[in-house]
Amino acid sequence: MSYEGNELGTFWPLYTGTNTVGRKDSMDGLDVAVDHPTTSSRHALIHATARPSRVMLEDPGSTNGTYLAGERLPANSPRELKDGDALRFGGYSVTVKIV
């Protein structure tokens, strides 16, 4: 969920499997289309599993980086996400909400 550019918030549901995060209108098949110029066309991957319930974030080598709690993730090194985690895709801020 992000409140950047929308005071009511922008919400993207995640589905079991790999969810691709990228810049809106840059490629087909994006699950999370971010409307921000610092987001790469294929910026990050979010891997979700139901059993066990787990969400992992991975940066495949984006230009402007993927950040978890202010720390830039190394390319191709997945990190587990928790409810309330602060993320940035380039300069676009997102808060993780796991329900």
PDB file of N, CA and C in Angstrom:
ATOM      1  N   MET A   1       0.843  -1.158   0.000  1.00  0.00           N
ATOM      2  CA  MET A   1       0.000   0.000   0.000  1.00  0.00           C
ATOM      3  C   MET A   1       0.891   1.225   0.000  1.00  0.00           C
ATOM      4  N   SER A   2       0.473   2.252  -0.772  1.00  0.00           N
ATOM      5  CA  SER A   2       1.241   3.486  -0.802  1.00  0.00           C
ATOM      6  C   SER A   2       0.298   4.676  -0.697  1.00  0.00           C
ATOM      7  N   TYR A   3       0.753   5.699   0.028  1.00  0.00           N
ATOM      8  CA  TYR A   3       0.005   6.947   0.131  1.00  0.00           C
ATOM      9  C   TYR A   3       0.671   8.047  -0.672  1.00  0.00           C
ATOM     10  N   GLU A   4       1.708   7.699  -1.408  1.00  0.00           N
ATOM     11  CA  GLU A   4       2.413   8.677  -2.220  1.00  0.00           C
ATOM     12  C   GLU A   4       1.575   9.004  -3.451  1.00  0.00           C
ATOM     13  N   GLY A   5       1.158  10.254  -3.572  1.00  0.00           N
ATOM     14  CA  GLY A   5       0.374  10.688  -4.718  1.00  0.00           C
ATOM     15  C   GLY A   5      -1.112  10.400  -4.601  1.00  0.00           C
ATOM     16  N   ASN A   6      -1.550   9.737  -3.515  1.00  0.00           N
ATOM     17  CA  ASN A   6      -2.969   9.429  -3.326  1.00  0.00           C
ATOM     18  C   ASN A   6      -3.243   9.356  -1.827  1.00  0.00           C
ATOM     19  N   GLU A   7      -3.895  10.385  -1.284  1.00  0.00           N
ATOM     20  CA  GLU A   7      -4.113  10.431   0.162  1.00  0.00           C
ATOM     21  C   GLU A   7      -5.005   9.303   0.677  1.00  0.00           C
ATOM     22  N   LEU A   8      -5.805   8.695  -0.206  1.00  0.00           N
ATOM     23  CA  LEU A   8      -6.625   7.551   0.186  1.00  0.00           C
ATOM     24  C   LEU A   8      -5.852   6.237   0.103  1.00  0.00           C
ATOM     25  N   GLY A   9      -4.711   6.280  -0.519  1.00  0.00           N
ATOM     26  CA  GLY A   9      -3.857   5.104  -0.629  1.00  0.00           C
ATOM     27  C   GLY A   9      -4.084   4.320  -1.913  1.00  0.00           C
ATOM     28  N   THR A  10      -3.038   3.693  -2.377  1.00  0.00           N
ATOM     29  CA  THR A  10      -3.087   2.799  -3.528  1.00  0.00           C
ATOM     30  C   THR A  10      -2.756   1.404  -3.004  1.00  0.00           C
ATOM     31  N   PHE A  11      -3.590   0.442  -3.369  1.00  0.00           N
ATOM     32  CA  PHE A  11      -3.473  -0.913  -2.848  1.00  0.00           C
ATOM     33  C   PHE A  11      -3.271  -1.887  -4.004  1.00  0.00           C
ATOM     34  N   TRP A  12      -2.325  -2.802  -3.842  1.00  0.00           N
ATOM     35  CA  TRP A  12      -2.096  -3.854  -4.821  1.00  0.00           C
ATOM     36  C   TRP A  12      -2.190  -5.200  -4.113  1.00  0.00           C
ATOM     37  N   PRO A  13      -3.147  -6.040  -4.487  1.00  0.00           N
ATOM     38  CA  PRO A  13      -3.195  -7.372  -3.883  1.00  0.00           C
ATOM     39  C   PRO A  13      -2.064  -8.239  -4.450  1.00  0.00           C
ATOM     40  N   LEU A  14      -1.523  -9.104  -3.618  1.00  0.00           N
ATOM     41  CA  LEU A  14      -0.503 -10.051  -4.058  1.00  0.00           C
ATOM     42  C   LEU A  14      -1.114 -11.434  -4.089  1.00  0.00           C
ATOM     43  N   TYR A  15      -0.677 -12.237  -5.024  1.00  0.00           N
ATOM     44  CA  TYR A  15      -1.201 -13.588  -5.191  1.00  0.00           C
ATOM     45  C   TYR A  15      -0.095 -14.599  -4.975  1.00  0.00           C
ATOM     46  N   THR A  16      -0.463 -15.820  -4.641  1.00  0.00           N
ATOM     47  CA  THR A  16       0.505 -16.887  -4.459  1.00  0.00           C
ATOM     48  C   THR A  16       1.339 -17.030  -5.730  1.00  0.00           C
ATOM     49  N   GLY A  17       2.629 -17.138  -5.547  1.00  0.00           N
ATOM     50  CA  GLY A  17       3.548 -17.213  -6.679  1.00  0.00           C
ATOM     51  C   GLY A  17       4.401 -15.962  -6.733  1.00  0.00           C
ATOM     52  N   THR A  18       4.919 -15.667  -7.905  1.00  0.00           N
ATOM     53  CA  THR A  18       5.778 -14.504  -8.091  1.00  0.00           C
ATOM     54  C   THR A  18       4.976 -13.342  -8.641  1.00  0.00           C
ATOM     55  N   ASN A  19       5.052 -12.202  -7.966  1.00  0.00           N
ATOM     56  CA  ASN A  19       4.391 -10.973  -8.360  1.00  0.00           C
ATOM     57  C   ASN A  19       5.473  -9.997  -8.824  1.00  0.00           C
ATOM     58  N   THR A  20       5.325  -9.459 -10.031  1.00  0.00           N
ATOM     59  CA  THR A  20       6.332  -8.565 -10.596  1.00  0.00           C
ATOM     60  C   THR A  20       5.947  -7.110 -10.364  1.00  0.00           C
ATOM     61  N   VAL A  21       6.899  -6.341  -9.813  1.00  0.00           N
ATOM     62  CA  VAL A  21       6.733  -4.905  -9.570  1.00  0.00           C
ATOM     63  C   VAL A  21       7.504  -4.165 -10.647  1.00  0.00           C
ATOM     64  N   GLY A  22       6.866  -3.172 -11.279  1.00  0.00           N
ATOM     65  CA  GLY A  22       7.556  -2.394 -12.295  1.00  0.00           C
ATOM     66  C   GLY A  22       6.855  -1.096 -12.592  1.00  0.00           C
ATOM     67  N   ARG A  23       7.488  -0.291 -13.434  1.00  0.00           N
ATOM     68  CA  ARG A  23       6.947   1.016 -13.817  1.00  0.00           C
ATOM     69  C   ARG A  23       5.731   0.842 -14.712  1.00  0.00           C
ATOM     70  N   LYS A  24       4.670   1.517 -14.360  1.00  0.00           N
ATOM     71  CA  LYS A  24       3.408   1.463 -15.093  1.00  0.00           C
ATOM     72  C   LYS A  24       3.622   1.702 -16.588  1.00  0.00           C
ATOM     73  N   ASP A  25       2.978   0.893 -17.400  1.00  0.00           N
ATOM     74  CA  ASP A  25       3.007   0.978 -18.866  1.00  0.00           C
ATOM     75  C   ASP A  25       4.368   0.677 -19.488  1.00  0.00           C
ATOM     76  N   SER A  26       5.299   0.083 -18.724  1.00  0.00           N
ATOM     77  CA  SER A  26       6.617  -0.198 -19.287  1.00  0.00           C
ATOM     78  C   SER A  26       6.716  -1.595 -19.890  1.00  0.00           C
ATOM     79  N   MET A  27       5.844  -2.512 -19.426  1.00  0.00           N
ATOM     80  CA  MET A  27       5.860  -3.867 -19.957  1.00  0.00           C
ATOM     81  C   MET A  27       4.557  -4.569 -19.596  1.00  0.00           C
ATOM     82  N   ASP A  28       4.244  -5.607 -20.327  1.00  0.00           N
ATOM     83  CA  ASP A  28       3.056  -6.408 -20.038  1.00  0.00           C
ATOM     84  C   ASP A  28       3.348  -7.351 -18.866  1.00  0.00           C
ATOM     85  N   GLY A  29       2.284  -7.737 -18.164  1.00  0.00           N
ATOM     86  CA  GLY A  29       2.402  -8.746 -17.128  1.00  0.00           C
ATOM     87  C   GLY A  29       2.811  -8.246 -15.756  1.00  0.00           C
ATOM     88  N   LEU A  30       2.748  -6.923 -15.510  1.00  0.00           N
ATOM     89  CA  LEU A  30       3.084  -6.419 -14.180  1.00  0.00           C
ATOM     90  C   LEU A  30       1.932  -6.698 -13.220  1.00  0.00           C
ATOM     91  N   ASP A  31       2.264  -7.163 -12.028  1.00  0.00           N
ATOM     92  CA  ASP A  31       1.267  -7.385 -10.984  1.00  0.00           C
ATOM     93  C   ASP A  31       1.110  -6.142 -10.122  1.00  0.00           C
ATOM     94  N   VAL A  32       2.194  -5.399  -9.948  1.00  0.00           N
ATOM     95  CA  VAL A  32       2.196  -4.141  -9.207  1.00  0.00           C
ATOM     96  C   VAL A  32       2.787  -3.090 -10.133  1.00  0.00           C
ATOM     97  N   ALA A  33       1.911  -2.259 -10.714  1.00  0.00           N
ATOM     98  CA  ALA A  33       2.333  -1.225 -11.668  1.00  0.00           C
ATOM     99  C   ALA A  33       2.458   0.105 -10.938  1.00  0.00           C
ATOM    100  N   VAL A  34       3.692   0.553 -10.753  1.00  0.00           N
ATOM    101  CA  VAL A  34       3.989   1.775 -10.006  1.00  0.00           C
ATOM    102  C   VAL A  34       4.143   2.937 -10.980  1.00  0.00           C
ATOM    103  N   ASP A  35       3.406   4.009 -10.731  1.00  0.00           N
ATOM    104  CA  ASP A  35       3.446   5.187 -11.595  1.00  0.00           C
ATOM    105  C   ASP A  35       4.456   6.190 -11.037  1.00  0.00           C
ATOM    106  N   HIS A  36       5.750   5.886 -11.228  1.00  0.00           N
ATOM    107  CA  HIS A  36       6.815   6.749 -10.725  1.00  0.00           C
ATOM    108  C   HIS A  36       8.041   6.598 -11.624  1.00  0.00           C
ATOM    109  N   PRO A  37       8.680   7.716 -12.011  1.00  0.00           N
ATOM    110  CA  PRO A  37       9.794   7.636 -12.965  1.00  0.00           C
ATOM    111  C   PRO A  37      11.051   6.948 -12.447  1.00  0.00           C
ATOM    112  N   THR A  38      11.214   6.804 -11.121  1.00  0.00           N
ATOM    113  CA  THR A  38      12.423   6.155 -10.598  1.00  0.00           C
ATOM    114  C   THR A  38      12.261   4.649 -10.435  1.00  0.00           C
ATOM    115  N   THR A  39      11.100   4.134 -10.822  1.00  0.00           N
ATOM    116  CA  THR A  39      10.854   2.693 -10.749  1.00  0.00           C
ATOM    117  C   THR A  39      11.231   2.070 -12.085  1.00  0.00           C
ATOM    118  N   SER A  40      12.043   1.033 -12.049  1.00  0.00           N
ATOM    119  CA  SER A  40      12.470   0.350 -13.278  1.00  0.00           C
ATOM    120  C   SER A  40      11.312  -0.425 -13.893  1.00  0.00           C
ATOM    121  N   SER A  41      11.440  -0.761 -15.172  1.00  0.00           N
ATOM    122  CA  SER A  41      10.368  -1.491 -15.857  1.00  0.00           C
ATOM    123  C   SER A  41      10.109  -2.842 -15.193  1.00  0.00           C
ATOM    124  N   ARG A  42      11.138  -3.517 -14.728  1.00  0.00           N
ATOM    125  CA  ARG A  42      11.015  -4.766 -13.946  1.00  0.00           C
ATOM    126  C   ARG A  42      11.861  -4.551 -12.704  1.00  0.00           C
ATOM    127  N   HIS A  43      11.253  -3.912 -11.711  1.00  0.00           N
ATOM    128  CA  HIS A  43      12.000  -3.382 -10.573  1.00  0.00           C
ATOM    129  C   HIS A  43      12.245  -4.412  -9.469  1.00  0.00           C
ATOM    130  N   ALA A  44      11.212  -5.185  -9.114  1.00  0.00           N
ATOM    131  CA  ALA A  44      11.338  -6.126  -8.001  1.00  0.00           C
ATOM    132  C   ALA A  44      10.405  -7.307  -8.211  1.00  0.00           C
ATOM    133  N   LEU A  45      10.683  -8.369  -7.471  1.00  0.00           N
ATOM    134  CA  LEU A  45       9.835  -9.554  -7.468  1.00  0.00           C
ATOM    135  C   LEU A  45       9.387  -9.801  -6.039  1.00  0.00           C
ATOM    136  N   ILE A  46       8.101 -10.100  -5.877  1.00  0.00           N
ATOM    137  CA  ILE A  46       7.572 -10.450  -4.563  1.00  0.00           C
ATOM    138  C   ILE A  46       7.034 -11.870  -4.664  1.00  0.00           C
ATOM    139  N   HIS A  47       7.637 -12.765  -3.901  1.00  0.00           N
ATOM    140  CA  HIS A  47       7.258 -14.173  -3.910  1.00  0.00           C
ATOM    141  C   HIS A  47       6.359 -14.431  -2.700  1.00  0.00           C
ATOM    142  N   ALA A  48       5.145 -14.904  -2.935  1.00  0.00           N
ATOM    143  CA  ALA A  48       4.194 -15.151  -1.853  1.00  0.00           C
ATOM    144  C   ALA A  48       3.807 -16.629  -1.815  1.00  0.00           C
ATOM    145  N   THR A  49       3.805 -17.199  -0.620  1.00  0.00           N
ATOM    146  CA  THR A  49       3.333 -18.571  -0.426  1.00  0.00           C
ATOM    147  C   THR A  49       2.265 -18.564   0.665  1.00  0.00           C
ATOM    148  N   ALA A  50       1.293 -19.462   0.520  1.00  0.00           N
ATOM    149  CA  ALA A  50       0.197 -19.534   1.484  1.00  0.00           C
ATOM    150  C   ALA A  50       0.521 -20.472   2.650  1.00  0.00           C
ATOM    151  N   ARG A  51       1.172 -21.580   2.350  1.00  0.00           N
ATOM    152  CA  ARG A  51       1.489 -22.568   3.391  1.00  0.00           C
ATOM    153  C   ARG A  51       2.941 -22.995   3.230  1.00  0.00           C
ATOM    154  N   PRO A  52       3.853 -22.514   4.032  1.00  0.00           N
ATOM    155  CA  PRO A  52       3.619 -21.590   5.126  1.00  0.00           C
ATOM    156  C   PRO A  52       3.412 -20.174   4.592  1.00  0.00           C
ATOM    157  N   SER A  53       2.712 -19.364   5.351  1.00  0.00           N
ATOM    158  CA  SER A  53       2.459 -17.979   4.964  1.00  0.00           C
ATOM    159  C   SER A  53       3.778 -17.207   5.006  1.00  0.00           C
ATOM    160  N   ARG A  54       4.229 -16.794   3.813  1.00  0.00           N
ATOM    161  CA  ARG A  54       5.530 -16.139   3.716  1.00  0.00           C
ATOM    162  C   ARG A  54       5.552 -15.232   2.497  1.00  0.00           C
ATOM    163  N   VAL A  55       6.162 -14.051   2.647  1.00  0.00           N
ATOM    164  CA  VAL A  55       6.306 -13.102   1.552  1.00  0.00           C
ATOM    165  C   VAL A  55       7.769 -12.696   1.491  1.00  0.00           C
ATOM    166  N   MET A  56       8.377 -12.880   0.310  1.00  0.00           N
ATOM    167  CA  MET A  56       9.788 -12.565   0.109  1.00  0.00           C
ATOM    168  C   MET A  56       9.925 -11.498  -0.969  1.00  0.00           C
ATOM    169  N   LEU A  57      10.852 -10.566  -0.768  1.00  0.00           N
ATOM    170  CA  LEU A  57      11.127  -9.485  -1.713  1.00  0.00           C
ATOM    171  C   LEU A  57      12.505  -9.682  -2.315  1.00  0.00           C
ATOM    172  N   GLU A  58      12.592  -9.476  -3.627  1.00  0.00           N
ATOM    173  CA  GLU A  58      13.875  -9.651  -4.331  1.00  0.00           C
ATOM    174  C   GLU A  58      14.023  -8.545  -5.365  1.00  0.00           C
ATOM    175  N   ASP A  59      15.217  -7.974  -5.445  1.00  0.00           N
ATOM    176  CA  ASP A  59      15.540  -6.990  -6.477  1.00  0.00           C
ATOM    177  C   ASP A  59      16.358  -7.701  -7.546  1.00  0.00           C
ATOM    178  N   PRO A  60      15.849  -7.786  -8.785  1.00  0.00           N
ATOM    179  CA  PRO A  60      16.586  -8.503  -9.838  1.00  0.00           C
ATOM    180  C   PRO A  60      17.711  -7.676 -10.470  1.00  0.00           C
ATOM    181  N   GLY A  61      18.010  -6.504  -9.892  1.00  0.00           N
ATOM    182  CA  GLY A  61      19.075  -5.658 -10.443  1.00  0.00           C
ATOM    183  C   GLY A  61      18.542  -4.340 -10.970  1.00  0.00           C
ATOM    184  N   SER A  62      17.587  -3.741 -10.279  1.00  0.00           N
ATOM    185  CA  SER A  62      16.990  -2.475 -10.724  1.00  0.00           C
ATOM    186  C   SER A  62      18.026  -1.354 -10.718  1.00  0.00           C
ATOM    187  N   THR A  63      17.775  -0.344 -11.525  1.00  0.00           N
ATOM    188  CA  THR A  63      18.691   0.792 -11.641  1.00  0.00           C
ATOM    189  C   THR A  63      18.765   1.615 -10.358  1.00  0.00           C
ATOM    190  N   ASN A  64      17.615   1.953  -9.774  1.00  0.00           N
ATOM    191  CA  ASN A  64      17.578   2.848  -8.616  1.00  0.00           C
ATOM    192  C   ASN A  64      17.394   2.140  -7.280  1.00  0.00           C
ATOM    193  N   GLY A  65      17.420   0.829  -7.282  1.00  0.00           N
ATOM    194  CA  GLY A  65      17.422   0.061  -6.049  1.00  0.00           C
ATOM    195  C   GLY A  65      16.073  -0.174  -5.402  1.00  0.00           C
ATOM    196  N   THR A  66      16.019  -1.261  -4.641  1.00  0.00           N
ATOM    197  CA  THR A  66      14.878  -1.614  -3.812  1.00  0.00           C
ATOM    198  C   THR A  66      15.369  -1.560  -2.377  1.00  0.00           C
ATOM    199  N   TYR A  67      14.606  -0.874  -1.514  1.00  0.00           N
ATOM    200  CA  TYR A  67      15.023  -0.637  -0.139  1.00  0.00           C
ATOM    201  C   TYR A  67      14.024  -1.245   0.832  1.00  0.00           C
ATOM    202  N   LEU A  68      14.527  -1.908   1.854  1.00  0.00           N
ATOM    203  CA  LEU A  68      13.735  -2.457   2.944  1.00  0.00           C
ATOM    204  C   LEU A  68      14.242  -1.802   4.220  1.00  0.00           C
ATOM    205  N   ALA A  69      13.365  -1.055   4.891  1.00  0.00           N
ATOM    206  CA  ALA A  69      13.723  -0.330   6.121  1.00  0.00           C
ATOM    207  C   ALA A  69      14.947   0.564   5.904  1.00  0.00           C
ATOM    208  N   GLY A  70      15.010   1.216   4.746  1.00  0.00           N
ATOM    209  CA  GLY A  70      16.089   2.142   4.439  1.00  0.00           C
ATOM    210  C   GLY A  70      17.370   1.521   3.936  1.00  0.00           C
ATOM    211  N   GLU A  71      17.449   0.203   3.901  1.00  0.00           N
ATOM    212  CA  GLU A  71      18.654  -0.501   3.453  1.00  0.00           C
ATOM    213  C   GLU A  71      18.456  -1.028   2.038  1.00  0.00           C
ATOM    214  N   ARG A  72      19.390  -0.682   1.150  1.00  0.00           N
ATOM    215  CA  ARG A  72      19.302  -1.168  -0.226  1.00  0.00           C
ATOM    216  C   ARG A  72      19.571  -2.668  -0.262  1.00  0.00           C
ATOM    217  N   LEU A  73      18.679  -3.390  -0.935  1.00  0.00           N
ATOM    218  CA  LEU A  73      18.848  -4.838  -1.063  1.00  0.00           C
ATOM    219  C   LEU A  73      19.877  -5.157  -2.136  1.00  0.00           C
ATOM    220  N   PRO A  74      20.762  -6.096  -1.861  1.00  0.00           N
ATOM    221  CA  PRO A  74      21.663  -6.554  -2.916  1.00  0.00           C
ATOM    222  C   PRO A  74      20.840  -7.275  -3.990  1.00  0.00           C
ATOM    223  N   ALA A  75      21.275  -7.201  -5.224  1.00  0.00           N
ATOM    224  CA  ALA A  75      20.568  -7.868  -6.317  1.00  0.00           C
ATOM    225  C   ALA A  75      20.494  -9.366  -6.070  1.00  0.00           C
ATOM    226  N   ASN A  76      19.332  -9.931  -6.377  1.00  0.00           N
ATOM    227  CA  ASN A  76      19.102 -11.379  -6.316  1.00  0.00           C
ATOM    228  C   ASN A  76      19.332 -11.987  -4.933  1.00  0.00           C
ATOM    229  N   SER A  77      19.024 -11.232  -3.880  1.00  0.00           N
ATOM    230  CA  SER A  77      19.146 -11.714  -2.495  1.00  0.00           C
ATOM    231  C   SER A  77      17.813 -11.495  -1.787  1.00  0.00           C
ATOM    232  N   PRO A  78      16.885 -12.462  -1.884  1.00  0.00           N
ATOM    233  CA  PRO A  78      15.548 -12.288  -1.309  1.00  0.00           C
ATOM    234  C   PRO A  78      15.578 -12.043   0.199  1.00  0.00           C
ATOM    235  N   ARG A  79      14.656 -11.188   0.648  1.00  0.00           N
ATOM    236  CA  ARG A  79      14.470 -10.898   2.072  1.00  0.00           C
ATOM    237  C   ARG A  79      13.006 -11.098   2.426  1.00  0.00           C
ATOM    238  N   GLU A  80      12.758 -11.625   3.620  1.00  0.00           N
ATOM    239  CA  GLU A  80      11.383 -11.840   4.059  1.00  0.00           C
ATOM    240  C   GLU A  80      10.747 -10.521   4.489  1.00  0.00           C
ATOM    241  N   LEU A  81       9.472 -10.349   4.130  1.00  0.00           N
ATOM    242  CA  LEU A  81       8.718  -9.151   4.498  1.00  0.00           C
ATOM    243  C   LEU A  81       7.780  -9.452   5.654  1.00  0.00           C
ATOM    244  N   LYS A  82       7.597  -8.449   6.504  1.00  0.00           N
ATOM    245  CA  LYS A  82       6.682  -8.526   7.640  1.00  0.00           C
ATOM    246  C   LYS A  82       5.672  -7.384   7.528  1.00  0.00           C
ATOM    247  N   ASP A  83       4.529  -7.556   8.173  1.00  0.00           N
ATOM    248  CA  ASP A  83       3.516  -6.511   8.187  1.00  0.00           C
ATOM    249  C   ASP A  83       4.111  -5.219   8.743  1.00  0.00           C
ATOM    250  N   GLY A  84       3.877  -4.113   8.048  1.00  0.00           N
ATOM    251  CA  GLY A  84       4.361  -2.808   8.477  1.00  0.00           C
ATOM    252  C   GLY A  84       5.719  -2.420   7.939  1.00  0.00           C
ATOM    253  N   ASP A  85       6.405  -3.331   7.226  1.00  0.00           N
ATOM    254  CA  ASP A  85       7.719  -2.993   6.664  1.00  0.00           C
ATOM    255  C   ASP A  85       7.607  -1.819   5.701  1.00  0.00           C
ATOM    256  N   ALA A  86       8.613  -0.942   5.749  1.00  0.00           N
ATOM    257  CA  ALA A  86       8.705   0.193   4.826  1.00  0.00           C
ATOM    258  C   ALA A  86       9.594  -0.201   3.653  1.00  0.00           C
ATOM    259  N   LEU A  87       9.060  -0.043   2.435  1.00  0.00           N
ATOM    260  CA  LEU A  87       9.804  -0.359   1.210  1.00  0.00           C
ATOM    261  C   LEU A  87       9.912   0.890   0.354  1.00  0.00           C
ATOM    262  N   ARG A  88      10.925   0.894  -0.504  1.00  0.00           N
ATOM    263  CA  ARG A  88      11.025   1.891  -1.569  1.00  0.00           C
ATOM    264  C   ARG A  88      11.447   1.188  -2.834  1.00  0.00           C
ATOM    265  N   PHE A  89      10.741   1.483  -3.913  1.00  0.00           N
ATOM    266  CA  PHE A  89      11.111   1.027  -5.250  1.00  0.00           C
ATOM    267  C   PHE A  89      11.655   2.254  -5.944  1.00  0.00           C
ATOM    268  N   GLY A  90      12.991   2.422  -5.962  1.00  0.00           N
ATOM    269  CA  GLY A  90      13.568   3.682  -6.397  1.00  0.00           C
ATOM    270  C   GLY A  90      13.195   4.745  -5.373  1.00  0.00           C
ATOM    271  N   GLY A  91      12.425   5.739  -5.796  1.00  0.00           N
ATOM    272  CA  GLY A  91      11.991   6.798  -4.882  1.00  0.00           C
ATOM    273  C   GLY A  91      10.545   6.679  -4.456  1.00  0.00           C
ATOM    274  N   TYR A  92       9.882   5.570  -4.775  1.00  0.00           N
ATOM    275  CA  TYR A  92       8.465   5.387  -4.476  1.00  0.00           C
ATOM    276  C   TYR A  92       8.288   4.565  -3.200  1.00  0.00           C
ATOM    277  N   SER A  93       7.644   5.172  -2.187  1.00  0.00           N
ATOM    278  CA  SER A  93       7.491   4.544  -0.876  1.00  0.00           C
ATOM    279  C   SER A  93       6.237   3.713  -0.766  1.00  0.00           C
ATOM    280  N   VAL A  94       6.377   2.557  -0.102  1.00  0.00           N
ATOM    281  CA  VAL A  94       5.286   1.606   0.066  1.00  0.00           C
ATOM    282  C   VAL A  94       5.353   1.055   1.498  1.00  0.00           C
ATOM    283  N   THR A  95       4.188   0.756   2.074  1.00  0.00           N
ATOM    284  CA  THR A  95       4.110   0.085   3.367  1.00  0.00           C
ATOM    285  C   THR A  95       3.481  -1.276   3.163  1.00  0.00           C
ATOM    286  N   VAL A  96       4.103  -2.316   3.689  1.00  0.00           N
ATOM    287  CA  VAL A  96       3.590  -3.677   3.564  1.00  0.00           C
ATOM    288  C   VAL A  96       2.444  -3.880   4.560  1.00  0.00           C
ATOM    289  N   LYS A  97       1.321  -4.398   4.069  1.00  0.00           N
ATOM    290  CA  LYS A  97       0.189  -4.761   4.916  1.00  0.00           C
ATOM    291  C   LYS A  97      -0.136  -6.217   4.629  1.00  0.00           C
ATOM    292  N   ILE A  98       0.092  -7.074   5.606  1.00  0.00           N
ATOM    293  CA  ILE A  98      -0.198  -8.491   5.448  1.00  0.00           C
ATOM    294  C   ILE A  98      -1.435  -8.807   6.277  1.00  0.00           C
ATOM    295  N   VAL A  99      -2.463  -9.272   5.598  1.00  0.00           N
ATOM    296  CA  VAL A  99      -3.735  -9.598   6.281  1.00  0.00           C
ATOM    297  C   VAL A  99      -4.084 -11.048   6.085  1.00  0.00           C
TER     298      VAL A  99
END
